Amino acid sequence: MPVKIYTTPTCPYCLALKDFLQEHGIEFQEIDVASNAKEREEMVKKTGKLEVPVVEIDGEIVVGFDKEKIAKLLGIEKV
């Protein structure tokens, strides 16, 4: 299932999210919204917020690093 994450380089929760996904072998597409205005606008359109990280998993949006919700959507049993 496709996983897209919207991040910024200085966001500690973004780094934690990437580490979490990598630990579980989840491939993802990372979009740096600090340097990509078009994608930043798309993220705000999807969430109504200018807040990172945002995770899109198979069309489902999660704002923030909600580890339990992200794990559930990805089928990860132990978090």
PDB file of N, CA and C in Angstrom:
ATOM      1  N   MET A   1       0.846  -1.186   0.000  1.00  0.00           N
ATOM      2  CA  MET A   1       0.000   0.000   0.000  1.00  0.00           C
ATOM      3  C   MET A   1       0.885   1.241   0.000  1.00  0.00           C
ATOM      4  N   PRO A   2       0.502   2.254  -0.743  1.00  0.00           N
ATOM      5  CA  PRO A   2       1.342   3.456  -0.823  1.00  0.00           C
ATOM      6  C   PRO A   2       1.304   4.275   0.466  1.00  0.00           C
ATOM      7  N   VAL A   3       2.493   4.702   0.895  1.00  0.00           N
ATOM      8  CA  VAL A   3       2.625   5.545   2.085  1.00  0.00           C
ATOM      9  C   VAL A   3       3.372   6.809   1.672  1.00  0.00           C
ATOM     10  N   LYS A   4       2.736   7.948   1.952  1.00  0.00           N
ATOM     11  CA  LYS A   4       3.337   9.241   1.641  1.00  0.00           C
ATOM     12  C   LYS A   4       3.404  10.019   2.946  1.00  0.00           C
ATOM     13  N   ILE A   5       4.564  10.639   3.204  1.00  0.00           N
ATOM     14  CA  ILE A   5       4.670  11.456   4.406  1.00  0.00           C
ATOM     15  C   ILE A   5       5.093  12.871   4.028  1.00  0.00           C
ATOM     16  N   TYR A   6       4.436  13.823   4.648  1.00  0.00           N
ATOM     17  CA  TYR A   6       4.755  15.245   4.474  1.00  0.00           C
ATOM     18  C   TYR A   6       5.559  15.661   5.703  1.00  0.00           C
ATOM     19  N   THR A   7       6.756  16.197   5.470  1.00  0.00           N
ATOM     20  CA  THR A   7       7.662  16.504   6.571  1.00  0.00           C
ATOM     21  C   THR A   7       8.344  17.852   6.365  1.00  0.00           C
ATOM     22  N   THR A   8       9.091  18.263   7.398  1.00  0.00           N
ATOM     23  CA  THR A   8      10.043  19.368   7.288  1.00  0.00           C
ATOM     24  C   THR A   8      11.363  18.869   7.889  1.00  0.00           C
ATOM     25  N   PRO A   9      12.476  19.443   7.469  1.00  0.00           N
ATOM     26  CA  PRO A   9      13.782  18.949   7.938  1.00  0.00           C
ATOM     27  C   PRO A   9      14.034  19.115   9.433  1.00  0.00           C
ATOM     28  N   THR A  10      13.402  20.080  10.074  1.00  0.00           N
ATOM     29  CA  THR A  10      13.697  20.362  11.485  1.00  0.00           C
ATOM     30  C   THR A  10      12.679  19.786  12.462  1.00  0.00           C
ATOM     31  N   CYS A  11      11.698  19.066  11.972  1.00  0.00           N
ATOM     32  CA  CYS A  11      10.614  18.532  12.815  1.00  0.00           C
ATOM     33  C   CYS A  11      11.055  17.229  13.492  1.00  0.00           C
ATOM     34  N   PRO A  12      11.160  17.217  14.833  1.00  0.00           N
ATOM     35  CA  PRO A  12      11.588  16.000  15.525  1.00  0.00           C
ATOM     36  C   PRO A  12      10.580  14.857  15.387  1.00  0.00           C
ATOM     37  N   TYR A  13       9.292  15.171  15.293  1.00  0.00           N
ATOM     38  CA  TYR A  13       8.282  14.120  15.131  1.00  0.00           C
ATOM     39  C   TYR A  13       8.364  13.502  13.742  1.00  0.00           C
ATOM     40  N   CYS A  14       8.777  14.295  12.759  1.00  0.00           N
ATOM     41  CA  CYS A  14       8.980  13.775  11.404  1.00  0.00           C
ATOM     42  C   CYS A  14      10.123  12.763  11.409  1.00  0.00           C
ATOM     43  N   LEU A  15      11.199  13.089  12.108  1.00  0.00           N
ATOM     44  CA  LEU A  15      12.334  12.173  12.203  1.00  0.00           C
ATOM     45  C   LEU A  15      11.931  10.885  12.917  1.00  0.00           C
ATOM     46  N   ALA A  16      11.157  11.010  13.982  1.00  0.00           N
ATOM     47  CA  ALA A  16      10.698   9.834  14.724  1.00  0.00           C
ATOM     48  C   ALA A  16       9.793   8.970  13.845  1.00  0.00           C
ATOM     49  N   LEU A  17       8.938   9.607  13.050  1.00  0.00           N
ATOM     50  CA  LEU A  17       8.052   8.879  12.145  1.00  0.00           C
ATOM     51  C   LEU A  17       8.863   8.101  11.114  1.00  0.00           C
ATOM     52  N   LYS A  18       9.845   8.753  10.513  1.00  0.00           N
ATOM     53  CA  LYS A  18      10.676   8.077   9.510  1.00  0.00           C
ATOM     54  C   LYS A  18      11.419   6.896  10.131  1.00  0.00           C
ATOM     55  N   ASP A  19      11.955   7.082  11.328  1.00  0.00           N
ATOM     56  CA  ASP A  19      12.636   5.985  12.031  1.00  0.00           C
ATOM     57  C   ASP A  19      11.672   4.822  12.272  1.00  0.00           C
ATOM     58  N   PHE A  20      10.467   5.131  12.715  1.00  0.00           N
ATOM     59  CA  PHE A  20       9.451   4.113  12.987  1.00  0.00           C
ATOM     60  C   PHE A  20       9.130   3.314  11.720  1.00  0.00           C
ATOM     61  N   LEU A  21       8.906   4.012  10.624  1.00  0.00           N
ATOM     62  CA  LEU A  21       8.580   3.331   9.374  1.00  0.00           C
ATOM     63  C   LEU A  21       9.747   2.463   8.900  1.00  0.00           C
ATOM     64  N   GLN A  22      10.952   2.992   8.996  1.00  0.00           N
ATOM     65  CA  GLN A  22      12.130   2.234   8.569  1.00  0.00           C
ATOM     66  C   GLN A  22      12.351   0.999   9.446  1.00  0.00           C
ATOM     67  N   GLU A  23      12.121   1.137  10.757  1.00  0.00           N
ATOM     68  CA  GLU A  23      12.274   0.001  11.679  1.00  0.00           C
ATOM     69  C   GLU A  23      11.351  -1.151  11.297  1.00  0.00           C
ATOM     70  N   HIS A  24      10.200  -0.812  10.736  1.00  0.00           N
ATOM     71  CA  HIS A  24       9.207  -1.829  10.378  1.00  0.00           C
ATOM     72  C   HIS A  24       9.246  -2.174   8.890  1.00  0.00           C
ATOM     73  N   GLY A  25      10.264  -1.705   8.201  1.00  0.00           N
ATOM     74  CA  GLY A  25      10.431  -2.057   6.794  1.00  0.00           C
ATOM     75  C   GLY A  25       9.374  -1.486   5.870  1.00  0.00           C
ATOM     76  N   ILE A  26       8.789  -0.352   6.258  1.00  0.00           N
ATOM     77  CA  ILE A  26       7.752   0.282   5.453  1.00  0.00           C
ATOM     78  C   ILE A  26       8.399   1.280   4.497  1.00  0.00           C
ATOM     79  N   GLU A  27       8.182   1.089   3.212  1.00  0.00           N
ATOM     80  CA  GLU A  27       8.670   2.043   2.226  1.00  0.00           C
ATOM     81  C   GLU A  27       7.717   3.225   2.174  1.00  0.00           C
ATOM     82  N   PHE A  28       8.272   4.414   1.972  1.00  0.00           N
ATOM     83  CA  PHE A  28       7.439   5.612   1.940  1.00  0.00           C
ATOM     84  C   PHE A  28       8.031   6.636   0.996  1.00  0.00           C
ATOM     85  N   GLN A  29       7.155   7.509   0.543  1.00  0.00           N
ATOM     86  CA  GLN A  29       7.573   8.664  -0.256  1.00  0.00           C
ATOM     87  C   GLN A  29       7.565   9.858   0.688  1.00  0.00           C
ATOM     88  N   GLU A  30       8.699  10.530   0.801  1.00  0.00           N
ATOM     89  CA  GLU A  30       8.801  11.688   1.684  1.00  0.00           C
ATOM     90  C   GLU A  30       8.713  12.974   0.872  1.00  0.00           C
ATOM     91  N   ILE A  31       7.886  13.894   1.344  1.00  0.00           N
ATOM     92  CA  ILE A  31       7.741  15.193   0.692  1.00  0.00           C
ATOM     93  C   ILE A  31       8.086  16.273   1.708  1.00  0.00           C
ATOM     94  N   ASP A  32       9.115  17.064   1.389  1.00  0.00           N
ATOM     95  CA  ASP A  32       9.553  18.159   2.251  1.00  0.00           C
ATOM     96  C   ASP A  32       8.705  19.388   1.918  1.00  0.00           C
ATOM     97  N   VAL A  33       7.736  19.693   2.777  1.00  0.00           N
ATOM     98  CA  VAL A  33       6.832  20.815   2.514  1.00  0.00           C
ATOM     99  C   VAL A  33       7.462  22.163   2.839  1.00  0.00           C
ATOM    100  N   ALA A  34       8.649  22.151   3.461  1.00  0.00           N
ATOM    101  CA  ALA A  34       9.355  23.409   3.709  1.00  0.00           C
ATOM    102  C   ALA A  34       9.917  23.968   2.407  1.00  0.00           C
ATOM    103  N   SER A  35      10.248  23.089   1.465  1.00  0.00           N
ATOM    104  CA  SER A  35      10.854  23.541   0.214  1.00  0.00           C
ATOM    105  C   SER A  35       9.961  23.327  -1.002  1.00  0.00           C
ATOM    106  N   ASN A  36       8.758  22.802  -0.796  1.00  0.00           N
ATOM    107  CA  ASN A  36       7.875  22.510  -1.921  1.00  0.00           C
ATOM    108  C   ASN A  36       6.500  23.127  -1.669  1.00  0.00           C
ATOM    109  N   ALA A  37       6.298  24.338  -2.159  1.00  0.00           N
ATOM    110  CA  ALA A  37       5.063  25.081  -1.897  1.00  0.00           C
ATOM    111  C   ALA A  37       3.838  24.379  -2.476  1.00  0.00           C
ATOM    112  N   LYS A  38       3.981  23.791  -3.640  1.00  0.00           N
ATOM    113  CA  LYS A  38       2.839  23.109  -4.273  1.00  0.00           C
ATOM    114  C   LYS A  38       2.363  21.942  -3.406  1.00  0.00           C
ATOM    115  N   GLU A  39       3.299  21.135  -2.939  1.00  0.00           N
ATOM    116  CA  GLU A  39       2.935  19.998  -2.076  1.00  0.00           C
ATOM    117  C   GLU A  39       2.427  20.476  -0.713  1.00  0.00           C
ATOM    118  N   ARG A  40       2.981  21.586  -0.209  1.00  0.00           N
ATOM    119  CA  ARG A  40       2.498  22.154   1.063  1.00  0.00           C
ATOM    120  C   ARG A  40       1.029  22.541   0.927  1.00  0.00           C
ATOM    121  N   GLU A  41       0.682  23.186  -0.200  1.00  0.00           N
ATOM    122  CA  GLU A  41      -0.718  23.555  -0.444  1.00  0.00           C
ATOM    123  C   GLU A  41      -1.601  22.319  -0.543  1.00  0.00           C
ATOM    124  N   GLU A  42      -1.102  21.272  -1.183  1.00  0.00           N
ATOM    125  CA  GLU A  42      -1.850  20.019  -1.304  1.00  0.00           C
ATOM    126  C   GLU A  42      -2.091  19.401   0.071  1.00  0.00           C
ATOM    127  N   MET A  43      -1.066  19.430   0.930  1.00  0.00           N
ATOM    128  CA  MET A  43      -1.195  18.904   2.289  1.00  0.00           C
ATOM    129  C   MET A  43      -2.258  19.675   3.069  1.00  0.00           C
ATOM    130  N   VAL A  44      -2.221  21.005   2.967  1.00  0.00           N
ATOM    131  CA  VAL A  44      -3.198  21.837   3.678  1.00  0.00           C
ATOM    132  C   VAL A  44      -4.600  21.577   3.135  1.00  0.00           C
ATOM    133  N   LYS A  45      -4.710  21.375   1.840  1.00  0.00           N
ATOM    134  CA  LYS A  45      -6.008  21.076   1.236  1.00  0.00           C
ATOM    135  C   LYS A  45      -6.572  19.761   1.779  1.00  0.00           C
ATOM    136  N   LYS A  46      -5.700  18.773   1.972  1.00  0.00           N
ATOM    137  CA  LYS A  46      -6.128  17.458   2.463  1.00  0.00           C
ATOM    138  C   LYS A  46      -6.465  17.473   3.949  1.00  0.00           C
ATOM    139  N   THR A  47      -5.740  18.292   4.739  1.00  0.00           N
ATOM    140  CA  THR A  47      -5.876  18.222   6.195  1.00  0.00           C
ATOM    141  C   THR A  47      -6.548  19.442   6.821  1.00  0.00           C
ATOM    142  N   GLY A  48      -6.498  20.571   6.122  1.00  0.00           N
ATOM    143  CA  GLY A  48      -6.994  21.810   6.704  1.00  0.00           C
ATOM    144  C   GLY A  48      -6.014  22.408   7.701  1.00  0.00           C
ATOM    145  N   LYS A  49      -4.783  21.844   7.744  1.00  0.00           N
ATOM    146  CA  LYS A  49      -3.806  22.288   8.736  1.00  0.00           C
ATOM    147  C   LYS A  49      -2.443  22.465   8.095  1.00  0.00           C
ATOM    148  N   LEU A  50      -1.662  23.338   8.697  1.00  0.00           N
ATOM    149  CA  LEU A  50      -0.266  23.523   8.310  1.00  0.00           C
ATOM    150  C   LEU A  50       0.576  22.939   9.437  1.00  0.00           C
ATOM    151  N   GLU A  51       0.522  21.620   9.532  1.00  0.00           N
ATOM    152  CA  GLU A  51       1.131  20.901  10.646  1.00  0.00           C
ATOM    153  C   GLU A  51       1.777  19.633  10.103  1.00  0.00           C
ATOM    154  N   VAL A  52       2.973  19.324  10.567  1.00  0.00           N
ATOM    155  CA  VAL A  52       3.649  18.097  10.149  1.00  0.00           C
ATOM    156  C   VAL A  52       4.029  17.271  11.361  1.00  0.00           C
ATOM    157  N   PRO A  53       4.243  15.984  11.228  1.00  0.00           N
ATOM    158  CA  PRO A  53       4.122  15.239   9.994  1.00  0.00           C
ATOM    159  C   PRO A  53       2.677  14.923   9.661  1.00  0.00           C
ATOM    160  N   VAL A  54       2.456  14.690   8.381  1.00  0.00           N
ATOM    161  CA  VAL A  54       1.185  14.167   7.890  1.00  0.00           C
ATOM    162  C   VAL A  54       1.519  12.873   7.165  1.00  0.00           C
ATOM    163  N   VAL A  55       0.763  11.836   7.467  1.00  0.00           N
ATOM    164  CA  VAL A  55       0.963  10.539   6.838  1.00  0.00           C
ATOM    165  C   VAL A  55      -0.280  10.215   6.031  1.00  0.00           C
ATOM    166  N   GLU A  56      -0.069   9.801   4.789  1.00  0.00           N
ATOM    167  CA  GLU A  56      -1.179   9.334   3.947  1.00  0.00           C
ATOM    168  C   GLU A  56      -0.911   7.872   3.637  1.00  0.00           C
ATOM    169  N   ILE A  57      -1.801   7.019   4.131  1.00  0.00           N
ATOM    170  CA  ILE A  57      -1.665   5.574   3.959  1.00  0.00           C
ATOM    171  C   ILE A  57      -2.870   5.076   3.185  1.00  0.00           C
ATOM    172  N   ASP A  58      -2.635   4.725   1.939  1.00  0.00           N
ATOM    173  CA  ASP A  58      -3.694   4.190   1.092  1.00  0.00           C
ATOM    174  C   ASP A  58      -4.934   5.092   1.109  1.00  0.00           C
ATOM    175  N   GLY A  59      -4.697   6.413   1.050  1.00  0.00           N
ATOM    176  CA  GLY A  59      -5.787   7.383   1.019  1.00  0.00           C
ATOM    177  C   GLY A  59      -6.263   7.862   2.380  1.00  0.00           C
ATOM    178  N   GLU A  60      -5.835   7.214   3.446  1.00  0.00           N
ATOM    179  CA  GLU A  60      -6.209   7.596   4.824  1.00  0.00           C
ATOM    180  C   GLU A  60      -5.179   8.589   5.355  1.00  0.00           C
ATOM    181  N   ILE A  61      -5.649   9.693   5.951  1.00  0.00           N
ATOM    182  CA  ILE A  61      -4.766  10.755   6.438  1.00  0.00           C
ATOM    183  C   ILE A  61      -4.636  10.697   7.958  1.00  0.00           C
ATOM    184  N   VAL A  62      -3.393  10.812   8.445  1.00  0.00           N
ATOM    185  CA  VAL A  62      -3.119  10.925   9.879  1.00  0.00           C
ATOM    186  C   VAL A  62      -2.254  12.164  10.067  1.00  0.00           C
ATOM    187  N   VAL A  63      -2.739  13.102  10.890  1.00  0.00           N
ATOM    188  CA  VAL A  63      -1.967  14.303  11.188  1.00  0.00           C
ATOM    189  C   VAL A  63      -1.236  14.078  12.503  1.00  0.00           C
ATOM    190  N   GLY A  64       0.075  14.298  12.484  1.00  0.00           N
ATOM    191  CA  GLY A  64       0.890  14.072  13.670  1.00  0.00           C
ATOM    192  C   GLY A  64       1.407  12.645  13.710  1.00  0.00           C
ATOM    193  N   PHE A  65       2.334  12.402  14.599  1.00  0.00           N
ATOM    194  CA  PHE A  65       2.919  11.064  14.734  1.00  0.00           C
ATOM    195  C   PHE A  65       2.107  10.273  15.752  1.00  0.00           C
ATOM    196  N   ASP A  66       0.939   9.807  15.312  1.00  0.00           N
ATOM    197  CA  ASP A  66       0.057   8.980  16.132  1.00  0.00           C
ATOM    198  C   ASP A  66       0.452   7.523  15.872  1.00  0.00           C
ATOM    199  N   LYS A  67       1.428   7.053  16.641  1.00  0.00           N
ATOM    200  CA  LYS A  67       2.048   5.751  16.399  1.00  0.00           C
ATOM    201  C   LYS A  67       1.027   4.612  16.354  1.00  0.00           C
ATOM    202  N   GLU A  68       0.088   4.596  17.276  1.00  0.00           N
ATOM    203  CA  GLU A  68      -0.883   3.511  17.335  1.00  0.00           C
ATOM    204  C   GLU A  68      -1.786   3.501  16.099  1.00  0.00           C
ATOM    205  N   LYS A  69      -2.263   4.664  15.696  1.00  0.00           N
ATOM    206  CA  LYS A  69      -3.146   4.742  14.533  1.00  0.00           C
ATOM    207  C   LYS A  69      -2.398   4.372  13.253  1.00  0.00           C
ATOM    208  N   ILE A  70      -1.175   4.862  13.128  1.00  0.00           N
ATOM    209  CA  ILE A  70      -0.363   4.551  11.951  1.00  0.00           C
ATOM    210  C   ILE A  70      -0.068   3.053  11.902  1.00  0.00           C
ATOM    211  N   ALA A  71       0.297   2.468  13.038  1.00  0.00           N
ATOM    212  CA  ALA A  71       0.570   1.033  13.102  1.00  0.00           C
ATOM    213  C   ALA A  71      -0.652   0.230  12.704  1.00  0.00           C
ATOM    214  N   LYS A  72      -1.815   0.629  13.184  1.00  0.00           N
ATOM    215  CA  LYS A  72      -3.053  -0.083  12.862  1.00  0.00           C
ATOM    216  C   LYS A  72      -3.318  -0.034  11.361  1.00  0.00           C
ATOM    217  N   LEU A  73      -3.164   1.149  10.757  1.00  0.00           N
ATOM    218  CA  LEU A  73      -3.412   1.283   9.327  1.00  0.00           C
ATOM    219  C   LEU A  73      -2.429   0.461   8.494  1.00  0.00           C
ATOM    220  N   LEU A  74      -1.219   0.278   9.022  1.00  0.00           N
ATOM    221  CA  LEU A  74      -0.188  -0.474   8.307  1.00  0.00           C
ATOM    222  C   LEU A  74      -0.173  -1.955   8.658  1.00  0.00           C
ATOM    223  N   GLY A  75      -0.999  -2.353   9.629  1.00  0.00           N
ATOM    224  CA  GLY A  75      -1.032  -3.751  10.034  1.00  0.00           C
ATOM    225  C   GLY A  75       0.157  -4.171  10.878  1.00  0.00           C
ATOM    226  N   ILE A  76       0.757  -3.196  11.570  1.00  0.00           N
ATOM    227  CA  ILE A  76       1.886  -3.482  12.460  1.00  0.00           C
ATOM    228  C   ILE A  76       1.310  -3.827  13.834  1.00  0.00           C
ATOM    229  N   GLU A  77       1.637  -5.009  14.335  1.00  0.00           N
ATOM    230  CA  GLU A  77       1.011  -5.462  15.577  1.00  0.00           C
ATOM    231  C   GLU A  77       1.718  -4.968  16.832  1.00  0.00           C
ATOM    232  N   LYS A  78       3.049  -4.931  16.837  1.00  0.00           N
ATOM    233  CA  LYS A  78       3.770  -4.497  18.033  1.00  0.00           C
ATOM    234  C   LYS A  78       4.371  -3.118  17.786  1.00  0.00           C
ATOM    235  N   VAL A  79       4.024  -2.155  18.651  1.00  0.00           N
ATOM    236  CA  VAL A  79       4.594  -0.802  18.538  1.00  0.00           C
ATOM    237  C   VAL A  79       5.344  -0.421  19.775  1.00  0.00           C
TER     238      VAL A  79
END
